[in-house]
N, C-alpha and C. Protein backbone atom coordinates (compact mmCIF):
# COMPACT_ATOMS: atom_id res chain seq x y z
N UNK A 1 -29.45 -28.39 -15.04
CA UNK A 1 -29.77 -27.34 -14.88
C UNK A 1 -29.13 -26.45 -15.65
N UNK A 2 -29.61 -25.74 -16.73
CA UNK A 2 -29.09 -24.67 -17.45
C UNK A 2 -29.20 -23.64 -17.31
N UNK A 3 -29.17 -22.42 -17.06
CA UNK A 3 -28.63 -21.03 -16.89
C UNK A 3 -28.66 -20.38 -18.11
N UNK A 4 -29.93 -19.86 -18.94
CA UNK A 4 -30.21 -18.95 -20.07
C UNK A 4 -29.61 -17.53 -19.24
N UNK A 5 -29.01 -16.82 -19.74
CA UNK A 5 -28.61 -15.18 -19.91
C UNK A 5 -29.34 -14.72 -20.29
N UNK A 6 -30.43 -15.07 -21.21
CA UNK A 6 -31.52 -13.85 -22.16
C UNK A 6 -32.08 -13.85 -20.65
N UNK A 7 -32.59 -14.25 -19.76
CA UNK A 7 -33.65 -14.70 -18.66
C UNK A 7 -33.33 -13.73 -17.40
N UNK A 8 -31.92 -13.81 -17.57
CA UNK A 8 -30.85 -13.20 -15.83
C UNK A 8 -31.59 -11.22 -16.86
N UNK A 9 -31.10 -10.81 -17.90
CA UNK A 9 -30.72 -9.64 -18.62
C UNK A 9 -31.89 -9.45 -18.59
N UNK A 10 -33.62 -9.93 -19.01
CA UNK A 10 -34.38 -9.02 -18.86
C UNK A 10 -34.85 -8.97 -17.74
N UNK A 11 -34.91 -10.31 -16.38
CA UNK A 11 -35.34 -9.38 -15.28
C UNK A 11 -34.60 -8.29 -14.61
N UNK A 12 -33.11 -8.56 -15.24
CA UNK A 12 -32.43 -6.81 -14.80
C UNK A 12 -32.65 -5.94 -15.35
N UNK A 13 -33.46 -5.66 -16.67
CA UNK A 13 -33.89 -5.04 -17.13
C UNK A 13 -35.29 -4.25 -16.45
N UNK A 14 -36.08 -5.49 -16.66
CA UNK A 14 -37.09 -5.12 -15.82
C UNK A 14 -37.25 -4.01 -14.27
N UNK A 15 -36.05 -4.83 -13.56
CA UNK A 15 -36.04 -4.13 -12.11
C UNK A 15 -35.76 -2.56 -12.47
N UNK A 16 -34.49 -3.02 -13.17
CA UNK A 16 -34.06 -1.46 -13.07
C UNK A 16 -35.13 -0.18 -13.82
N UNK A 17 -35.96 -0.63 -14.79
CA UNK A 17 -36.99 0.21 -15.61
C UNK A 17 -38.47 0.49 -14.36
N UNK A 18 -38.35 -0.73 -13.71
CA UNK A 18 -39.47 -0.48 -12.50
C UNK A 18 -39.14 0.37 -11.65
N UNK A 19 -37.86 0.47 -11.38
CA UNK A 19 -36.97 1.45 -10.11
C UNK A 19 -37.26 2.66 -10.46
N UNK A 20 -37.14 3.06 -12.39
CA UNK A 20 -37.22 4.33 -12.76
C UNK A 20 -38.35 5.09 -12.76
N UNK A 21 -39.22 4.08 -13.20
CA UNK A 21 -40.51 4.55 -14.03
C UNK A 21 -41.78 4.51 -12.98
N UNK A 22 -41.41 3.79 -11.56
CA UNK A 22 -42.54 3.77 -10.58
C UNK A 22 -42.36 5.02 -10.01
N UNK A 23 -41.86 5.24 -9.71
CA UNK A 23 -41.33 6.97 -9.09
C UNK A 23 -42.86 7.61 -10.12
N UNK A 24 -41.68 7.92 -11.40
CA UNK A 24 -42.81 8.90 -12.31
C UNK A 24 -44.28 8.03 -12.47
N UNK A 25 -44.31 6.92 -12.40
CA UNK A 25 -46.34 6.95 -12.54
C UNK A 25 -46.86 7.17 -11.31
N UNK A 26 -46.33 7.02 -9.79
CA UNK A 26 -46.89 7.25 -8.45
C UNK A 26 -47.06 8.39 -8.56
N UNK A 27 -46.08 9.25 -8.55
CA UNK A 27 -45.74 10.77 -7.83
C UNK A 27 -45.80 11.22 -8.59
N UNK A 28 -47.05 12.11 -8.48
CA UNK A 28 -47.39 13.08 -10.13
C UNK A 28 -47.47 14.31 -10.17
N UNK A 29 -47.56 14.67 -8.25
CA UNK A 29 -47.21 16.55 -7.57
C UNK A 29 -46.61 16.18 -7.24
N UNK A 30 -45.86 17.49 -6.73
CA UNK A 30 -44.16 18.02 -6.10
C UNK A 30 -45.02 18.00 -5.22
N UNK A 31 -43.45 16.99 -4.50
CA UNK A 31 -43.40 17.16 -2.83
C UNK A 31 -43.52 17.54 -2.40
N UNK A 32 -43.98 17.77 -1.20
CA UNK A 32 -43.94 19.23 -0.43
C UNK A 32 -43.36 19.15 1.11
N UNK A 33 -43.95 17.89 1.48
CA UNK A 33 -42.38 17.20 3.21
C UNK A 33 -41.32 18.53 2.46
N UNK A 34 -41.05 19.09 3.70
CA UNK A 34 -39.78 18.80 4.02
C UNK A 34 -37.94 18.07 3.67
N UNK A 35 -38.82 16.82 4.99
CA UNK A 35 -38.09 15.67 5.48
C UNK A 35 -37.90 15.19 3.91
N UNK A 36 -38.75 14.90 3.36
CA UNK A 36 -38.85 13.91 2.23
C UNK A 36 -37.91 14.85 1.35
N UNK A 37 -37.97 15.59 0.92
CA UNK A 37 -37.06 16.86 -0.35
C UNK A 37 -35.65 16.75 0.54
N UNK A 38 -35.46 16.89 1.36
CA UNK A 38 -33.90 17.38 1.84
C UNK A 38 -33.49 15.06 1.64
N UNK A 39 -34.30 14.40 2.47
CA UNK A 39 -33.61 13.29 2.17
C UNK A 39 -33.16 12.70 0.23
N UNK A 40 -34.32 13.28 -0.12
CA UNK A 40 -33.70 13.15 -1.72
C UNK A 40 -33.03 13.66 -2.55
N UNK A 41 -32.45 14.85 -1.94
CA UNK A 41 -31.64 15.95 -2.56
C UNK A 41 -30.15 15.60 -2.08
N UNK A 42 -29.90 14.66 -0.77
CA UNK A 42 -28.98 13.98 -0.57
C UNK A 42 -28.31 12.43 -0.67
N UNK A 43 -29.66 12.02 -1.41
CA UNK A 43 -29.18 10.49 -1.74
C UNK A 43 -28.29 10.31 -2.88
N UNK A 44 -27.80 11.53 -4.06
CA UNK A 44 -26.84 11.00 -4.48
C UNK A 44 -25.50 11.55 -4.57
N UNK A 45 -25.28 11.95 -3.33
CA UNK A 45 -23.99 12.39 -2.67
C UNK A 45 -24.03 11.40 -1.27
N UNK A 46 -24.60 10.76 -0.30
CA UNK A 46 -24.56 10.05 0.03
C UNK A 46 -24.02 8.91 -0.23
N UNK A 47 -25.00 8.14 -1.79
CA UNK A 47 -24.28 7.36 -2.83
C UNK A 47 -23.04 6.87 -3.02
N UNK A 48 -22.61 8.59 -3.72
CA UNK A 48 -20.85 9.09 -4.19
C UNK A 48 -20.18 8.24 -2.95
N UNK A 49 -20.78 8.95 -1.77
CA UNK A 49 -19.51 8.17 -0.89
C UNK A 49 -19.48 6.85 -0.17
N UNK A 50 -20.55 6.69 -0.13
CA UNK A 50 -20.66 5.61 0.41
C UNK A 50 -20.03 4.62 -0.98
N UNK A 51 -19.80 4.46 -1.95
CA UNK A 51 -18.91 4.34 -3.42
C UNK A 51 -17.52 4.55 -3.23
N UNK A 52 -17.20 5.50 -2.82
CA UNK A 52 -16.24 6.06 -3.22
C UNK A 52 -14.90 5.54 -1.69
N UNK A 53 -15.81 5.56 -0.33
CA UNK A 53 -14.76 5.38 0.98
C UNK A 53 -14.14 4.22 0.86
N UNK A 54 -14.65 3.33 0.18
CA UNK A 54 -14.03 1.88 0.79
C UNK A 54 -12.67 1.81 -0.72
N UNK A 55 -12.49 2.93 -1.40
CA UNK A 55 -12.25 2.67 -2.92
C UNK A 55 -10.56 3.13 -2.25
N UNK A 56 -11.16 4.68 -1.41
CA UNK A 56 -10.01 5.55 -0.79
C UNK A 56 -8.96 4.69 -0.13
N UNK A 57 -9.58 3.54 0.74
CA UNK A 57 -8.79 3.39 2.32
C UNK A 57 -8.05 1.74 1.53
N UNK A 58 -8.39 1.51 0.15
CA UNK A 58 -7.81 -0.10 -0.31
C UNK A 58 -7.52 0.36 -1.10
N UNK A 59 -7.33 1.27 -1.84
CA UNK A 59 -6.66 1.45 -3.53
C UNK A 59 -4.92 1.81 -3.01
N UNK A 60 -4.46 1.46 -1.81
CA UNK A 60 -3.24 2.22 -1.78
C UNK A 60 -2.92 0.58 -1.18
N UNK A 61 -0.91 0.52 -0.86
CA UNK A 61 -0.03 -0.34 0.07
C UNK A 61 -0.54 -0.44 1.11
N UNK A 62 -1.47 0.20 1.86
CA UNK A 62 -1.54 0.44 3.21
C UNK A 62 -3.12 1.26 4.14
N UNK A 63 -3.64 0.72 4.31
CA UNK A 63 -4.55 1.09 5.01
C UNK A 63 -4.08 2.64 5.38
N UNK A 64 -3.40 2.86 6.26
CA UNK A 64 -3.05 4.00 6.96
C UNK A 64 -2.54 4.97 5.72
N UNK A 65 -2.17 4.45 4.50
CA UNK A 65 -1.34 5.70 3.38
C UNK A 65 -3.03 6.31 3.16
N UNK A 66 -3.91 5.27 2.37
CA UNK A 66 -5.35 6.00 2.95
C UNK A 66 -5.66 6.50 3.17
N UNK A 67 -5.74 6.54 4.72
CA UNK A 67 -6.81 7.18 5.34
C UNK A 67 -5.33 8.85 5.75
N UNK A 68 -4.36 8.45 5.88
CA UNK A 68 -3.77 9.64 5.61
C UNK A 68 -4.22 10.86 4.20
N UNK A 69 -4.18 9.94 3.73
CA UNK A 69 -4.35 10.66 2.21
C UNK A 69 -6.39 11.25 1.94
N UNK A 70 -6.73 10.74 2.91
CA UNK A 70 -8.29 10.53 3.08
C UNK A 70 -8.32 12.29 4.33
N UNK A 71 -7.83 12.44 5.09
CA UNK A 71 -7.44 13.32 5.71
C UNK A 71 -6.36 14.29 5.97
N UNK A 72 -5.95 14.61 4.63
CA UNK A 72 -5.21 15.35 3.79
C UNK A 72 -6.16 15.88 2.89
N UNK A 73 -6.86 15.53 2.47
CA UNK A 73 -8.34 15.56 1.22
C UNK A 73 -8.84 16.57 1.73
N UNK A 74 -9.49 15.88 3.50
CA UNK A 74 -10.77 16.24 4.38
C UNK A 74 -10.14 18.04 4.61
N UNK A 75 -8.50 17.83 4.93
CA UNK A 75 -8.17 19.19 5.63
C UNK A 75 -7.87 20.10 4.79
N UNK A 76 -7.56 20.21 3.41
CA UNK A 76 -7.69 20.66 2.10
C UNK A 76 -9.41 21.28 1.85
N UNK A 77 -9.72 20.46 1.82
CA UNK A 77 -10.75 20.91 1.87
C UNK A 77 -11.55 21.48 2.23
N UNK A 78 -11.62 21.72 3.60
CA UNK A 78 -12.31 22.36 4.56
C UNK A 78 -11.63 24.07 4.61
N UNK A 79 -10.10 23.89 3.98
CA UNK A 79 -9.57 24.89 3.81
C UNK A 79 -9.87 26.30 2.88
N UNK A 80 -10.55 25.60 2.26
CA UNK A 80 -11.45 26.02 1.09
C UNK A 80 -10.24 26.16 -0.21
N UNK A 81 -9.72 25.23 -0.34
CA UNK A 81 -8.54 24.87 -1.40
C UNK A 81 -9.11 24.27 -2.94
N UNK A 82 -8.82 24.47 -4.19
CA UNK A 82 -8.82 24.03 -5.44
C UNK A 82 -9.11 22.69 -5.22
N UNK A 83 -9.61 21.84 -6.50
CA UNK A 83 -9.63 20.65 -6.47
C UNK A 83 -8.82 20.00 -7.07
N UNK A 84 -8.02 21.18 -7.48
CA UNK A 84 -6.73 19.99 -8.07
C UNK A 84 -5.36 20.16 -6.96
N UNK A 85 -5.54 21.22 -6.01
CA UNK A 85 -4.57 21.18 -5.28
C UNK A 85 -5.09 20.51 -3.95
N UNK A 86 -6.66 19.68 -3.66
CA UNK A 86 -7.19 18.43 -3.18
C UNK A 86 -6.15 17.60 -3.36
N UNK A 87 -6.33 17.23 -4.69
CA UNK A 87 -5.95 15.90 -5.23
C UNK A 87 -4.34 15.73 -5.12
N UNK A 88 -4.10 16.85 -5.44
CA UNK A 88 -2.19 16.99 -5.36
C UNK A 88 -1.44 16.51 -3.86
N UNK A 89 -2.68 17.45 -2.76
CA UNK A 89 -2.19 16.84 -1.49
C UNK A 89 -2.17 15.79 -1.08
N UNK A 90 -3.50 15.08 -1.38
CA UNK A 90 -4.03 13.88 -1.11
C UNK A 90 -2.91 12.73 -1.61
N UNK A 91 -2.64 13.04 -2.85
CA UNK A 91 -1.71 12.08 -3.90
C UNK A 91 -0.47 12.33 -3.15
N UNK A 92 0.03 13.77 -2.73
CA UNK A 92 1.66 13.67 -1.66
C UNK A 92 1.88 13.30 -0.73
N UNK A 93 0.63 12.91 0.25
CA UNK A 93 0.28 12.47 1.68
C UNK A 93 0.40 11.43 1.47
N UNK A 94 -0.19 11.19 0.63
CA UNK A 94 0.25 9.15 -0.07
C UNK A 94 1.03 8.99 -0.58
N UNK A 95 1.85 9.36 -1.03
CA UNK A 95 3.01 9.13 -1.71
C UNK A 95 4.12 9.04 -0.69
N UNK A 96 4.19 10.48 0.65
CA UNK A 96 5.37 10.19 1.76
C UNK A 96 5.19 9.15 2.66
N UNK A 97 3.97 8.75 2.94
CA UNK A 97 3.36 7.85 4.01
C UNK A 97 4.05 6.55 3.22
N UNK A 98 3.92 6.29 2.24
CA UNK A 98 4.44 4.69 1.60
C UNK A 98 5.60 4.86 1.33
N UNK A 99 6.21 5.88 1.20
CA UNK A 99 7.94 6.29 0.89
C UNK A 99 8.48 5.61 2.54
N UNK A 100 7.81 6.52 3.42
CA UNK A 100 8.67 6.36 4.78
C UNK A 100 8.14 4.50 4.94
N UNK A 101 6.88 4.16 4.78
CA UNK A 101 6.93 2.95 5.53
C UNK A 101 7.13 1.76 5.07
N UNK A 102 7.73 2.04 3.30
CA UNK A 102 7.84 0.83 2.84
C UNK A 102 9.33 0.91 2.21
N UNK A 103 9.60 2.12 1.91
CA UNK A 103 11.11 2.06 2.33
C UNK A 103 11.90 2.11 3.16
N UNK A 104 12.00 1.98 4.23
CA UNK A 104 12.19 1.95 5.79
C UNK A 104 13.78 1.08 5.78
């Protein structure tokens, strides 16, 4: 059985186009439901978090170091530090944790 890559590409293009075009054609008036508006507002943030979270834990040599870096980033962000300070703090936490775990 031979597979044609062009069929796969066309199906993926049709599905992608359909997902983007159907809401534009089916929903023509403003959405007034507060629950649906709130849901649609947070979808991009949730999607980004779901894609990023596993990478945070598995990007280091140990999950403990990744979790510690995540915790440091959350604490620094909660304290309203700048993005640069949060990134540097998370990197420093991971570096120190891996230095202790793997060079002892």
